[in-house]
Amino acid sequence: MNADQKMRQSTSASAYGARAGTGAGSGTGDGDAPGRVRRFWSERRLPAGIVALVIAAVSGLLLYDVAAVRSGRRAMRWRDWLADELAARPLDNAWIVGGAALLAALGVWMVILAMAPGLRGLLPMRAPEQEPGAESGPGSGGEAGAAVRAGIDRTSAGLVLRDRAMEVPGVRSARVDVGRRRIRARALAHFRDLDEVRADLDTALHEGIRQLGLARPPALSVHVRRSAEPKG
């Protein structure tokens, strides 16, 4: 790529949240309340089961050793060694302080994991609105509609937006990375002015994000550059 081509590169970043509130077709308008839709929570059955089994095994081993000592038998070697080490080392010993810090960090990490929703790859979508004139009493369809929750995988959302980007004239190839807070789109243009391609791509991706119906539409960052011409 020569210097002239480098100067013709165009890069833009536009925040979807700033544009979403403008226009009748915005994704957060018309009474939508994105803050009311919560993220999906992981059930964590397998990790919880593994942790429970490990704790039960360790507790059972300690209980057996204590019962064996109470009945007149000798304690296990590892418990004798641990008791001797704890009795001989002072509290400000590096190994004691390091082990305590490690256990504290492990406990904090487990608490954070327990409080985090999980399922970071799943983006929640807006709840379907109740039709005008529909009853909201018991047994009506309003409760069923309110109980419906939908989400879309981040990878699938990226594929959908990439297909929308490939429909823009002048785009040779595109890559869309969907995150929880930002969507980054990178495209190569092989004809048309770069600013025109960027503007059309920005509009197409904003429309694609709106049609995804996300509860919290991420910010959009669009980068367009000229594809390298083949040498020779």
C-alpha atoms as a PDB file:
ATOM      1  CA  MET A   1       0.000   0.000   0.000  1.00  0.00           C
ATOM      2  CA  ASN A   2       1.546   3.309  -1.081  1.00  0.00           C
ATOM      3  CA  ALA A   3       1.391   6.623   0.716  1.00  0.00           C
ATOM      4  CA  ASP A   4      -1.530   7.883  -1.369  1.00  0.00           C
ATOM      5  CA  GLN A   5      -3.625   4.869  -0.459  1.00  0.00           C
ATOM      6  CA  LYS A   6      -2.772   5.274   3.217  1.00  0.00           C
ATOM      7  CA  MET A   7      -3.934   8.897   3.116  1.00  0.00           C
ATOM      8  CA  ARG A   8      -7.222   7.775   1.576  1.00  0.00           C
ATOM      9  CA  GLN A   9      -8.065   5.485   4.444  1.00  0.00           C
ATOM     10  CA  SER A  10     -11.120   6.493   6.385  1.00  0.00           C
ATOM     11  CA  THR A  11     -11.883   5.636   9.983  1.00  0.00           C
ATOM     12  CA  SER A  12     -15.000   6.565  11.908  1.00  0.00           C
ATOM     13  CA  ALA A  13     -16.502   5.706  15.267  1.00  0.00           C
ATOM     14  CA  SER A  14     -20.124   6.447  16.051  1.00  0.00           C
ATOM     15  CA  ALA A  15     -21.949   5.700  19.287  1.00  0.00           C
ATOM     16  CA  TYR A  16     -25.236   3.962  18.674  1.00  0.00           C
ATOM     17  CA  GLY A  17     -26.590   5.153  21.980  1.00  0.00           C
ATOM     18  CA  ALA A  18     -26.377   8.759  20.835  1.00  0.00           C
ATOM     19  CA  ARG A  19     -28.308   8.055  17.621  1.00  0.00           C
ATOM     20  CA  ALA A  20     -30.754   5.566  19.064  1.00  0.00           C
ATOM     21  CA  GLY A  21     -32.871   8.236  20.684  1.00  0.00           C
ATOM     22  CA  THR A  22     -33.368  10.176  17.425  1.00  0.00           C
ATOM     23  CA  GLY A  23     -35.932   9.326  14.829  1.00  0.00           C
ATOM     24  CA  ALA A  24     -39.160   7.348  14.954  1.00  0.00           C
ATOM     25  CA  GLY A  25     -37.464   4.085  14.127  1.00  0.00           C
ATOM     26  CA  SER A  26     -34.915   4.168  16.897  1.00  0.00           C
ATOM     27  CA  GLY A  27     -34.361   0.978  18.875  1.00  0.00           C
ATOM     28  CA  THR A  28     -34.857   2.576  22.284  1.00  0.00           C
ATOM     29  CA  GLY A  29     -37.779   4.791  21.419  1.00  0.00           C
ATOM     30  CA  ASP A  30     -41.528   4.214  21.440  1.00  0.00           C
ATOM     31  CA  GLY A  31     -41.694   3.508  25.147  1.00  0.00           C
ATOM     32  CA  ASP A  32     -39.000   0.845  25.272  1.00  0.00           C
ATOM     33  CA  ALA A  33     -37.172   0.627  28.583  1.00  0.00           C
ATOM     34  CA  PRO A  34     -33.866  -1.171  28.047  1.00  0.00           C
ATOM     35  CA  GLY A  35     -32.936  -0.899  31.716  1.00  0.00           C
ATOM     36  CA  ARG A  36     -35.804  -3.175  32.742  1.00  0.00           C
ATOM     37  CA  VAL A  37     -34.480  -6.205  30.879  1.00  0.00           C
ATOM     38  CA  ARG A  38     -31.975  -8.127  32.973  1.00  0.00           C
ATOM     39  CA  ARG A  39     -29.232 -10.429  31.777  1.00  0.00           C
ATOM     40  CA  PHE A  40     -29.678 -14.163  31.693  1.00  0.00           C
ATOM     41  CA  TRP A  41     -28.327 -16.059  34.698  1.00  0.00           C
ATOM     42  CA  SER A  42     -26.384 -19.270  34.370  1.00  0.00           C
ATOM     43  CA  GLU A  43     -27.707 -22.190  36.418  1.00  0.00           C
ATOM     44  CA  ARG A  44     -24.170 -23.399  37.221  1.00  0.00           C
ATOM     45  CA  ARG A  45     -25.321 -26.893  38.144  1.00  0.00           C
ATOM     46  CA  LEU A  46     -22.081 -28.629  37.186  1.00  0.00           C
ATOM     47  CA  PRO A  47     -19.676 -26.190  38.957  1.00  0.00           C
ATOM     48  CA  ALA A  48     -21.877 -26.152  42.056  1.00  0.00           C
ATOM     49  CA  GLY A  49     -21.991 -29.948  42.098  1.00  0.00           C
ATOM     50  CA  ILE A  50     -18.214 -30.243  41.748  1.00  0.00           C
ATOM     51  CA  VAL A  51     -17.580 -27.728  44.553  1.00  0.00           C
ATOM     52  CA  ALA A  52     -20.098 -29.519  46.784  1.00  0.00           C
ATOM     53  CA  LEU A  53     -18.439 -32.893  46.145  1.00  0.00           C
ATOM     54  CA  VAL A  54     -14.949 -31.516  46.890  1.00  0.00           C
ATOM     55  CA  ILE A  55     -16.114 -29.872  50.125  1.00  0.00           C
ATOM     56  CA  ALA A  56     -17.956 -33.040  51.170  1.00  0.00           C
ATOM     57  CA  ALA A  57     -14.888 -35.198  50.460  1.00  0.00           C
ATOM     58  CA  VAL A  58     -12.527 -32.926  52.429  1.00  0.00           C
ATOM     59  CA  SER A  59     -14.986 -32.601  55.311  1.00  0.00           C
ATOM     60  CA  GLY A  60     -15.508 -36.358  55.421  1.00  0.00           C
ATOM     61  CA  LEU A  61     -11.763 -36.976  55.467  1.00  0.00           C
ATOM     62  CA  LEU A  62     -11.235 -34.525  58.346  1.00  0.00           C
ATOM     63  CA  LEU A  63     -14.174 -35.980  60.268  1.00  0.00           C
ATOM     64  CA  TYR A  64     -12.804 -39.501  59.849  1.00  0.00           C
ATOM     65  CA  ASP A  65      -9.356 -38.437  61.041  1.00  0.00           C
ATOM     66  CA  VAL A  66     -10.765 -36.651  64.101  1.00  0.00           C
ATOM     67  CA  ALA A  67     -12.902 -39.664  64.960  1.00  0.00           C
ATOM     68  CA  ALA A  68      -9.874 -41.957  64.556  1.00  0.00           C
ATOM     69  CA  VAL A  69      -7.790 -39.800  66.916  1.00  0.00           C
ATOM     70  CA  ARG A  70     -10.598 -39.745  69.482  1.00  0.00           C
ATOM     71  CA  SER A  71     -10.759 -43.536  69.374  1.00  0.00           C
ATOM     72  CA  GLY A  72      -7.046 -43.835  70.221  1.00  0.00           C
ATOM     73  CA  ARG A  73      -5.535 -44.201  66.758  1.00  0.00           C
ATOM     74  CA  ARG A  74      -2.730 -42.119  65.301  1.00  0.00           C
ATOM     75  CA  ALA A  75      -3.622 -39.110  63.174  1.00  0.00           C
ATOM     76  CA  MET A  76      -2.758 -39.019  59.503  1.00  0.00           C
ATOM     77  CA  ARG A  77       0.764 -37.920  58.626  1.00  0.00           C
ATOM     78  CA  TRP A  78      -0.309 -34.895  56.655  1.00  0.00           C
ATOM     79  CA  ARG A  79      -2.379 -33.589  59.577  1.00  0.00           C
ATOM     80  CA  ASP A  80       0.524 -34.096  62.006  1.00  0.00           C
ATOM     81  CA  TRP A  81       2.858 -32.298  59.619  1.00  0.00           C
ATOM     82  CA  LEU A  82       0.390 -29.432  59.161  1.00  0.00           C
ATOM     83  CA  ALA A  83      -0.188 -29.078  62.900  1.00  0.00           C
ATOM     84  CA  ASP A  84       3.564 -29.021  63.584  1.00  0.00           C
ATOM     85  CA  GLU A  85       4.159 -26.399  60.879  1.00  0.00           C
ATOM     86  CA  LEU A  86       1.373 -24.149  62.145  1.00  0.00           C
ATOM     87  CA  ALA A  87       2.631 -24.463  65.706  1.00  0.00           C
ATOM     88  CA  ALA A  88       6.262 -23.726  64.801  1.00  0.00           C
ATOM     89  CA  ARG A  89       5.838 -20.845  62.364  1.00  0.00           C
ATOM     90  CA  PRO A  90       4.925 -17.331  63.603  1.00  0.00           C
ATOM     91  CA  LEU A  91       1.908 -15.499  62.219  1.00  0.00           C
ATOM     92  CA  ASP A  92       4.079 -13.045  60.263  1.00  0.00           C
ATOM     93  CA  ASN A  93       5.812 -15.860  58.399  1.00  0.00           C
ATOM     94  CA  ALA A  94       5.824 -15.421  54.621  1.00  0.00           C
ATOM     95  CA  TRP A  95       4.234 -18.834  53.986  1.00  0.00           C
ATOM     96  CA  ILE A  96       1.461 -18.168  56.534  1.00  0.00           C
ATOM     97  CA  VAL A  97       0.699 -14.722  55.138  1.00  0.00           C
ATOM     98  CA  GLY A  98       0.861 -15.964  51.545  1.00  0.00           C
ATOM     99  CA  GLY A  99      -1.419 -18.921  52.231  1.00  0.00           C
ATOM    100  CA  ALA A 100      -3.941 -16.723  54.036  1.00  0.00           C
ATOM    101  CA  ALA A 101      -3.902 -14.197  51.183  1.00  0.00           C
ATOM    102  CA  LEU A 102      -4.384 -16.981  48.650  1.00  0.00           C
ATOM    103  CA  LEU A 103      -7.350 -18.420  50.537  1.00  0.00           C
ATOM    104  CA  ALA A 104      -8.879 -14.959  50.935  1.00  0.00           C
ATOM    105  CA  ALA A 105      -8.469 -14.216  47.231  1.00  0.00           C
ATOM    106  CA  LEU A 106     -10.006 -17.588  46.382  1.00  0.00           C
ATOM    107  CA  GLY A 107     -12.982 -16.848  48.615  1.00  0.00           C
ATOM    108  CA  VAL A 108     -13.512 -13.386  47.095  1.00  0.00           C
ATOM    109  CA  TRP A 109     -13.255 -14.873  43.587  1.00  0.00           C
ATOM    110  CA  MET A 110     -15.878 -17.508  44.402  1.00  0.00           C
ATOM    111  CA  VAL A 111     -18.222 -14.849  45.839  1.00  0.00           C
ATOM    112  CA  ILE A 112     -17.825 -12.726  42.698  1.00  0.00           C
ATOM    113  CA  LEU A 113     -18.535 -15.730  40.481  1.00  0.00           C
ATOM    114  CA  ALA A 114     -21.622 -16.569  42.533  1.00  0.00           C
ATOM    115  CA  MET A 115     -22.969 -13.015  42.201  1.00  0.00           C
ATOM    116  CA  ALA A 116     -22.167 -12.614  38.490  1.00  0.00           C
ATOM    117  CA  PRO A 117     -24.929 -13.550  36.011  1.00  0.00           C
ATOM    118  CA  GLY A 118     -22.693 -15.530  33.677  1.00  0.00           C
ATOM    119  CA  LEU A 119     -23.665 -16.324  30.080  1.00  0.00           C
ATOM    120  CA  ARG A 120     -21.581 -13.430  28.766  1.00  0.00           C
ATOM    121  CA  GLY A 121     -22.029 -14.665  25.202  1.00  0.00           C
ATOM    122  CA  LEU A 122     -25.816 -14.156  25.301  1.00  0.00           C
ATOM    123  CA  LEU A 123     -27.261 -10.682  24.696  1.00  0.00           C
ATOM    124  CA  PRO A 124     -30.773 -10.081  26.109  1.00  0.00           C
ATOM    125  CA  MET A 125     -33.428  -8.784  23.729  1.00  0.00           C
ATOM    126  CA  ARG A 126     -36.361  -6.477  24.397  1.00  0.00           C
ATOM    127  CA  ALA A 127     -39.549  -8.035  25.707  1.00  0.00           C
ATOM    128  CA  PRO A 128     -42.450  -8.135  23.223  1.00  0.00           C
ATOM    129  CA  GLU A 129     -44.921  -5.323  23.715  1.00  0.00           C
ATOM    130  CA  GLN A 130     -48.537  -6.063  24.563  1.00  0.00           C
ATOM    131  CA  GLU A 131     -50.947  -5.410  21.709  1.00  0.00           C
ATOM    132  CA  PRO A 132     -53.216  -2.366  22.118  1.00  0.00           C
ATOM    133  CA  GLY A 133     -56.610  -3.277  23.558  1.00  0.00           C
ATOM    134  CA  ALA A 134     -55.441  -6.616  24.945  1.00  0.00           C
ATOM    135  CA  GLU A 135     -56.627  -7.513  28.436  1.00  0.00           C
ATOM    136  CA  SER A 136     -54.091  -7.619  31.230  1.00  0.00           C
ATOM    137  CA  GLY A 137     -56.161  -9.529  33.772  1.00  0.00           C
ATOM    138  CA  PRO A 138     -55.566 -13.080  35.041  1.00  0.00           C
ATOM    139  CA  GLY A 139     -55.591 -15.692  32.324  1.00  0.00           C
ATOM    140  CA  SER A 140     -55.047 -13.167  29.556  1.00  0.00           C
ATOM    141  CA  GLY A 141     -52.250 -13.200  27.020  1.00  0.00           C
ATOM    142  CA  GLY A 142     -50.586 -10.213  28.674  1.00  0.00           C
ATOM    143  CA  GLU A 143     -49.008 -12.343  31.380  1.00  0.00           C
ATOM    144  CA  ALA A 144     -47.763 -14.867  28.844  1.00  0.00           C
ATOM    145  CA  GLY A 145     -46.230 -12.087  26.772  1.00  0.00           C
ATOM    146  CA  ALA A 146     -44.555 -10.557  29.799  1.00  0.00           C
ATOM    147  CA  ALA A 147     -43.044 -13.916  30.752  1.00  0.00           C
ATOM    148  CA  VAL A 148     -41.342 -14.356  27.379  1.00  0.00           C
ATOM    149  CA  ARG A 149     -37.612 -13.644  27.400  1.00  0.00           C
ATOM    150  CA  ALA A 150     -35.402 -13.765  24.346  1.00  0.00           C
ATOM    151  CA  GLY A 151     -31.691 -13.514  23.717  1.00  0.00           C
ATOM    152  CA  ILE A 152     -29.252 -13.807  20.859  1.00  0.00           C
ATOM    153  CA  ASP A 153     -25.767 -15.233  20.830  1.00  0.00           C
ATOM    154  CA  ARG A 154     -23.022 -12.694  20.223  1.00  0.00           C
ATOM    155  CA  THR A 155     -21.506 -14.829  17.475  1.00  0.00           C
ATOM    156  CA  SER A 156     -24.843 -15.119  15.687  1.00  0.00           C
ATOM    157  CA  ALA A 157     -25.412 -11.386  16.001  1.00  0.00           C
ATOM    158  CA  GLY A 158     -21.989 -10.785  14.473  1.00  0.00           C
ATOM    159  CA  LEU A 159     -22.824 -13.023  11.506  1.00  0.00           C
ATOM    160  CA  VAL A 160     -26.104 -11.196  10.929  1.00  0.00           C
ATOM    161  CA  LEU A 161     -24.403  -7.809  10.999  1.00  0.00           C
ATOM    162  CA  ARG A 162     -21.604  -9.055   8.751  1.00  0.00           C
ATOM    163  CA  ASP A 163     -24.169 -10.100   6.153  1.00  0.00           C
ATOM    164  CA  ARG A 164     -25.709  -6.654   6.355  1.00  0.00           C
ATOM    165  CA  ALA A 165     -22.259  -5.113   5.881  1.00  0.00           C
ATOM    166  CA  MET A 166     -21.563  -7.244   2.809  1.00  0.00           C
ATOM    167  CA  GLU A 167     -24.737  -5.856   1.175  1.00  0.00           C
ATOM    168  CA  VAL A 168     -23.257  -2.347   1.143  1.00  0.00           C
ATOM    169  CA  PRO A 169     -21.912  -1.468  -2.341  1.00  0.00           C
ATOM    170  CA  GLY A 170     -18.139  -1.219  -2.374  1.00  0.00           C
ATOM    171  CA  VAL A 171     -17.504  -3.542   0.573  1.00  0.00           C
ATOM    172  CA  ARG A 172     -15.200  -6.368  -0.423  1.00  0.00           C
ATOM    173  CA  SER A 173     -14.933  -8.097   2.939  1.00  0.00           C
ATOM    174  CA  ALA A 174     -16.117  -7.329   6.433  1.00  0.00           C
ATOM    175  CA  ARG A 175     -15.619  -8.511   9.983  1.00  0.00           C
ATOM    176  CA  VAL A 176     -17.948  -7.668  12.856  1.00  0.00           C
ATOM    177  CA  ASP A 177     -17.000  -8.402  16.469  1.00  0.00           C
ATOM    178  CA  VAL A 178     -19.930  -8.092  18.861  1.00  0.00           C
ATOM    179  CA  GLY A 179     -19.125  -7.387  22.487  1.00  0.00           C
ATOM    180  CA  ARG A 180     -21.367  -6.707  25.442  1.00  0.00           C
ATOM    181  CA  ARG A 181     -20.782  -2.942  25.290  1.00  0.00           C
ATOM    182  CA  ARG A 182     -19.286  -2.284  21.845  1.00  0.00           C
ATOM    183  CA  ILE A 183     -19.599  -3.605  18.304  1.00  0.00           C
ATOM    184  CA  ARG A 184     -16.495  -3.219  16.163  1.00  0.00           C
ATOM    185  CA  ALA A 185     -16.897  -3.463  12.406  1.00  0.00           C
ATOM    186  CA  ARG A 186     -13.915  -3.570  10.004  1.00  0.00           C
ATOM    187  CA  ALA A 187     -14.377  -3.546   6.251  1.00  0.00           C
ATOM    188  CA  LEU A 188     -12.244  -3.494   3.111  1.00  0.00           C
ATOM    189  CA  ALA A 189     -13.486  -1.399   0.195  1.00  0.00           C
ATOM    190  CA  HIS A 190     -12.397  -2.049  -3.372  1.00  0.00           C
ATOM    191  CA  PHE A 191     -14.321   0.719  -5.160  1.00  0.00           C
ATOM    192  CA  ARG A 192     -16.316   3.887  -4.363  1.00  0.00           C
ATOM    193  CA  ASP A 193     -15.122   6.675  -2.140  1.00  0.00           C
ATOM    194  CA  LEU A 194     -14.161   5.524   1.325  1.00  0.00           C
ATOM    195  CA  ASP A 195     -16.266   8.172   3.052  1.00  0.00           C
ATOM    196  CA  GLU A 196     -19.342   7.104   1.091  1.00  0.00           C
ATOM    197  CA  VAL A 197     -18.746   3.440   1.905  1.00  0.00           C
ATOM    198  CA  ARG A 198     -18.248   4.273   5.541  1.00  0.00           C
ATOM    199  CA  ALA A 199     -21.434   6.330   5.729  1.00  0.00           C
ATOM    200  CA  ASP A 200     -23.523   3.616   4.031  1.00  0.00           C
ATOM    201  CA  LEU A 201     -21.965   0.914   6.211  1.00  0.00           C
ATOM    202  CA  ASP A 202     -22.611   2.955   9.343  1.00  0.00           C
ATOM    203  CA  THR A 203     -26.273   3.385   8.382  1.00  0.00           C
ATOM    204  CA  ALA A 204     -26.723  -0.277   7.455  1.00  0.00           C
ATOM    205  CA  LEU A 205     -25.196  -1.533  10.700  1.00  0.00           C
ATOM    206  CA  HIS A 206     -27.249   0.855  12.818  1.00  0.00           C
ATOM    207  CA  GLU A 207     -30.374  -0.433  11.099  1.00  0.00           C
ATOM    208  CA  GLY A 208     -29.199  -4.005  11.617  1.00  0.00           C
ATOM    209  CA  ILE A 209     -28.624  -3.375  15.333  1.00  0.00           C
ATOM    210  CA  ARG A 210     -32.087  -1.862  15.607  1.00  0.00           C
ATOM    211  CA  GLN A 211     -33.669  -4.894  13.944  1.00  0.00           C
ATOM    212  CA  LEU A 212     -31.869  -7.232  16.341  1.00  0.00           C
ATOM    213  CA  GLY A 213     -34.064  -5.814  19.094  1.00  0.00           C
ATOM    214  CA  LEU A 214     -31.363  -5.765  21.774  1.00  0.00           C
ATOM    215  CA  ALA A 215     -32.351  -4.536  25.211  1.00  0.00           C
ATOM    216  CA  ARG A 216     -29.066  -2.635  25.575  1.00  0.00           C
ATOM    217  CA  PRO A 217     -27.737  -1.832  22.089  1.00  0.00           C
ATOM    218  CA  PRO A 218     -23.923  -1.647  22.238  1.00  0.00           C
ATOM    219  CA  ALA A 219     -22.004   1.286  20.842  1.00  0.00           C
ATOM    220  CA  LEU A 220     -20.922   0.916  17.219  1.00  0.00           C
ATOM    221  CA  SER A 221     -17.424   1.523  15.893  1.00  0.00           C
ATOM    222  CA  VAL A 222     -16.904   1.357  12.097  1.00  0.00           C
ATOM    223  CA  HIS A 223     -13.502   1.220  10.395  1.00  0.00           C
ATOM    224  CA  VAL A 224     -13.134   1.193   6.607  1.00  0.00           C
ATOM    225  CA  ARG A 225      -9.932   1.019   4.590  1.00  0.00           C
ATOM    226  CA  ARG A 226      -8.914   0.393   1.027  1.00  0.00           C
ATOM    227  CA  SER A 227      -7.906  -3.140   0.145  1.00  0.00           C
ATOM    228  CA  ALA A 228      -4.333  -3.531  -1.046  1.00  0.00           C
ATOM    229  CA  GLU A 229      -4.000  -3.674  -4.813  1.00  0.00           C
ATOM    230  CA  PRO A 230      -2.237  -6.789  -6.184  1.00  0.00           C
ATOM    231  CA  LYS A 231       1.357  -6.128  -7.186  1.00  0.00           C
ATOM    232  CA  GLY A 232       2.451  -6.746 -10.729  1.00  0.00           C
END
